[in-house]
Each structure stands twice: as C-alpha cells, then as structure tokens.
Amino acid sequence: MRNRWFKALFFVTVLGFLLIGCQKKVDFSPRPLNLDRAVCYVCKMGITDQRFAVQAISPQGDVFWFDDIGCLVEFMNYPEWKDKQMDKGMIWIGDMNTGKWIDARKAKYVFGIETPMGYGYGAVADTTGVDTVYTFQQVVERIREGKTMREEFLKKMKGKMKHEHPAEHPQEMK
C-alpha cells in the first residue's frame, strides 16, 4: 500500500513538472510595426506613425495594435481587456521624438500635440525642456474625463471632408 502511494505521488510530481516545463513562455518585447498592415484594434484605421503607435501584449502573447493612446484607453473598456488579463500584460508606445518603443506605463506624456486620432497625448522618454508631464495613469484618467483635443480634431476632420472635390462625391452634385 505504501509503495503504491509513493508511486502515485511520484507520478503526479513528474506530471506536474512536465506541465510546468511545457508552458509557453510569452515574449513581452516590442514587436516591429508593419506600417503596411497594422490596423488599430479600436478605430480600424491603418497605423501610419510609430511615434504615436501603441502595442499591448497579453499574458497569452496576443498583440493588440492602436494608432493613438486614446484608442488604447477606449480598449480598456472592452470585455477583451478583462478577459485577456491585459493589466498583467505589457504595453509599449512609440516615443514621439524618436519613434523608439518605450514602456507605456513608465513613460511620461505631454499634452497639446497633434496625434493620429486627436487625443493630443504623446509619450517621451526624455523630458528635458518639457514643462508639464503626465504619468500613464494620469493620461488614462484625463482621457476618460474628456480632457483631450478630440473635439477640435473632429471639427477639423469634418471641415476637411466638406472641402473635398465635388467629383469625388457625384451624388452630392445635384
């Protein structure tokens, strides 16, 4: 009886080590941005500027791309954020000055610049000469409170749409 119990314990221990050893190790390093193919998960726009791009890597290794930090903040309200345990994942953002990937949670942010979706926040690794900077958490809170440049951005975009050449919209030429 004692021998059988010892064998069962040994088998369970070996099986446990095998399962632990077979777990996939997630690579949280930043992925290269393919400007020809990367699309924002939230707004579905093509990502055209690494200086404002964001990539969020889940603990399972899934990568979600965003063209503006504001879209990432919107994603934080999606069920996938919680389902994929994204709080335990890694978030990289492009440095607005260099385009190099920096840890979004450790980066400092400036406000009042033109960004792809008009939220107005850019990440910087070097804050030399910058008067006001925000932390990642402050930027998330400010975007949720509506402290963005989004309204001006949308007005500007609407104005651009009105000034397009009439031949591009023949149905409106009547």
Protein backbone atom coordinates (compact mmCIF):
# COMPACT_ATOMS: atom_id res chain seq x y z
CA MET A 1 0.00 0.00 0.00
CA ARG A 2 2.78 2.37 0.97
CA ASN A 3 4.68 1.56 -2.24
CA ARG A 4 1.60 2.25 -4.37
CA TRP A 5 1.05 5.61 -2.63
CA PHE A 6 4.69 6.55 -3.24
CA LYS A 7 4.39 5.65 -6.95
CA ALA A 8 1.23 7.75 -7.32
CA LEU A 9 2.88 10.73 -5.61
CA PHE A 10 5.95 10.33 -7.81
CA PHE A 11 3.77 10.17 -10.95
CA VAL A 12 1.81 13.30 -10.00
CA THR A 13 5.04 15.18 -9.23
CA VAL A 14 6.64 14.22 -12.55
CA LEU A 15 3.43 15.10 -14.42
CA GLY A 16 3.35 18.50 -12.68
CA PHE A 17 6.93 19.24 -13.69
CA LEU A 18 6.19 18.24 -17.27
CA LEU A 19 3.18 20.53 -17.44
CA ILE A 20 5.13 23.45 -15.97
CA GLY A 21 8.01 22.82 -18.35
CA CYS A 22 5.69 22.76 -21.37
CA GLN A 23 4.09 26.13 -20.67
CA LYS A 24 4.71 28.65 -23.39
CA LYS A 25 6.98 31.48 -22.31
CA VAL A 26 5.48 34.76 -23.54
CA ASP A 27 7.76 37.22 -25.28
CA PHE A 28 6.82 40.67 -24.00
CA SER A 29 9.42 42.50 -26.08
CA PRO A 30 8.08 45.10 -28.54
CA ARG A 31 7.16 43.78 -31.96
CA PRO A 32 8.25 45.57 -35.12
CA LEU A 33 5.49 47.71 -36.59
CA ASN A 34 4.49 46.83 -40.14
CA LEU A 35 3.06 50.11 -41.43
CA ASP A 36 1.63 48.34 -44.48
CA ARG A 37 -0.54 46.01 -42.42
CA ALA A 38 -1.01 47.21 -38.84
CA VAL A 39 -4.54 48.38 -38.08
CA CYS A 40 -5.85 49.93 -34.86
CA TYR A 41 -7.95 47.41 -32.94
CA VAL A 42 -10.44 50.10 -31.89
CA CYS A 43 -10.89 52.59 -34.74
CA LYS A 44 -9.78 50.23 -37.55
CA MET A 45 -7.57 52.93 -39.09
CA GLY A 46 -4.23 51.99 -40.58
CA ILE A 47 -1.30 52.79 -38.32
CA THR A 48 0.91 55.27 -40.12
CA ASP A 49 3.16 56.76 -37.45
CA GLN A 50 5.18 54.74 -34.93
CA ARG A 51 5.74 57.89 -32.84
CA PHE A 52 2.16 57.56 -31.53
CA ALA A 53 1.50 53.84 -32.04
CA VAL A 54 0.77 51.56 -29.11
CA GLN A 55 1.05 47.80 -28.81
CA ALA A 56 -0.44 45.87 -25.92
CA ILE A 57 0.75 42.30 -25.39
CA SER A 58 -1.47 40.00 -23.34
CA PRO A 59 -0.13 37.38 -20.90
CA GLN A 60 -1.11 34.83 -23.57
CA GLY A 61 1.06 36.57 -26.18
CA ASP A 62 -1.74 38.23 -28.17
CA VAL A 63 -0.73 41.62 -29.61
CA PHE A 64 -3.25 44.44 -29.96
CA TRP A 65 -2.27 47.50 -32.01
CA PHE A 66 -3.52 51.08 -31.61
CA ASP A 67 -2.76 54.24 -33.59
CA ASP A 68 -3.19 56.60 -30.62
CA ILE A 69 -3.07 56.17 -26.85
CA GLY A 70 -6.69 57.31 -26.76
CA CYS A 71 -7.71 54.17 -28.66
CA LEU A 72 -5.84 52.07 -26.07
CA VAL A 73 -7.81 53.80 -23.30
CA GLU A 74 -11.04 53.02 -25.18
CA PHE A 75 -9.92 49.36 -25.42
CA MET A 76 -9.56 49.28 -21.63
CA ASN A 77 -13.39 49.38 -21.52
CA TYR A 78 -13.77 46.38 -23.84
CA PRO A 79 -14.52 42.92 -22.38
CA GLU A 80 -11.31 41.62 -24.02
CA TRP A 81 -9.23 43.83 -21.70
CA LYS A 82 -10.50 41.92 -18.68
CA ASP A 83 -10.84 38.54 -20.42
CA LYS A 84 -7.23 38.62 -21.63
CA GLN A 85 -5.95 39.93 -18.25
CA MET A 86 -4.33 42.86 -20.04
CA ASP A 87 -3.44 44.53 -16.72
CA LYS A 88 -0.84 41.75 -16.39
CA GLY A 89 0.44 42.25 -19.92
CA MET A 90 2.93 44.70 -21.40
CA ILE A 91 2.17 47.99 -23.15
CA TRP A 92 4.67 49.66 -25.48
CA ILE A 93 4.27 53.12 -27.01
CA GLY A 94 6.34 54.97 -29.55
CA ASP A 95 8.43 57.85 -28.24
CA MET A 96 7.01 60.89 -30.05
CA ASN A 97 10.50 62.29 -30.62
CA THR A 98 12.37 59.18 -31.74
CA GLY A 99 9.73 56.58 -32.64
CA LYS A 100 11.53 54.03 -30.44
CA TRP A 101 9.38 51.74 -28.31
CA ILE A 102 9.21 52.66 -24.61
CA ASP A 103 7.31 51.11 -21.71
CA ALA A 104 3.97 52.95 -21.76
CA ARG A 105 3.42 52.56 -18.03
CA LYS A 106 6.81 54.14 -17.22
CA ALA A 107 6.78 56.80 -19.95
CA LYS A 108 6.00 60.45 -19.36
CA TYR A 109 3.42 62.20 -21.52
CA VAL A 110 2.96 65.67 -22.94
CA PHE A 111 -0.36 67.17 -23.96
CA GLY A 112 -1.33 69.53 -26.74
CA ILE A 113 0.13 67.92 -29.82
CA GLU A 114 -1.47 66.64 -32.99
CA THR A 115 -1.90 62.86 -32.82
CA PRO A 116 -3.45 60.39 -35.30
CA MET A 117 -6.88 60.33 -33.60
CA GLY A 118 -6.71 63.73 -31.96
CA TYR A 119 -6.41 62.77 -28.29
CA GLY A 120 -3.36 65.04 -28.03
CA TYR A 121 -1.00 62.96 -25.85
CA GLY A 122 2.48 61.88 -26.85
CA ALA A 123 4.94 59.74 -24.90
CA VAL A 124 8.50 60.83 -24.25
CA ALA A 125 11.47 59.09 -22.69
CA ASP A 126 13.40 62.35 -22.27
CA THR A 127 11.53 65.18 -20.52
CA THR A 128 14.32 67.75 -20.87
CA GLY A 129 12.76 71.12 -21.64
CA VAL A 130 9.20 69.92 -21.08
CA ASP A 131 7.19 71.99 -18.59
CA THR A 132 4.22 69.74 -17.84
CA VAL A 133 4.32 65.96 -17.99
CA TYR A 134 1.78 63.32 -17.04
CA THR A 135 2.10 59.71 -15.94
CA PHE A 136 0.42 56.87 -17.78
CA GLN A 137 -2.31 56.64 -15.13
CA GLN A 138 -2.92 60.40 -15.29
CA VAL A 139 -3.28 60.23 -19.08
CA VAL A 140 -5.77 57.35 -18.79
CA GLU A 141 -7.82 59.34 -16.25
CA ARG A 142 -7.65 62.55 -18.29
CA ILE A 143 -8.81 60.80 -21.47
CA ARG A 144 -11.69 59.19 -19.58
CA GLU A 145 -12.63 62.64 -18.25
CA GLY A 146 -12.64 64.02 -21.80
CA LYS A 147 -9.51 66.16 -21.35
CA THR A 148 -8.34 65.69 -24.93
CA MET A 149 -8.06 67.59 -28.19
CA ARG A 150 -10.56 65.23 -29.78
CA GLU A 151 -13.35 67.77 -30.29
CA GLU A 152 -11.10 70.14 -32.22
CA PHE A 153 -9.73 67.18 -34.18
CA LEU A 154 -13.21 66.03 -35.20
CA LYS A 155 -14.22 69.56 -36.24
CA LYS A 156 -11.07 69.84 -38.32
CA MET A 157 -11.71 66.47 -39.96
CA LYS A 158 -15.33 67.38 -40.67
CA GLY A 159 -14.15 70.62 -42.29
CA LYS A 160 -11.71 68.69 -44.48
CA MET A 161 -14.50 66.38 -45.61
CA LYS A 162 -16.64 69.38 -46.69
CA HIS A 163 -13.81 70.80 -48.78
CA GLU A 164 -13.19 67.69 -50.85
CA HIS A 165 -13.52 67.97 -54.60
CA PRO A 166 -17.18 67.56 -55.73
CA ALA A 167 -16.18 64.98 -58.36
CA GLU A 168 -15.24 62.65 -55.50
CA HIS A 169 -18.91 62.67 -54.40
CA PRO A 170 -21.04 62.80 -57.59
CA GLN A 171 -24.25 62.00 -55.70
CA GLU A 172 -23.91 65.35 -53.85
CA MET A 173 -23.51 67.41 -57.06
CA LYS A 174 -27.28 67.74 -57.70
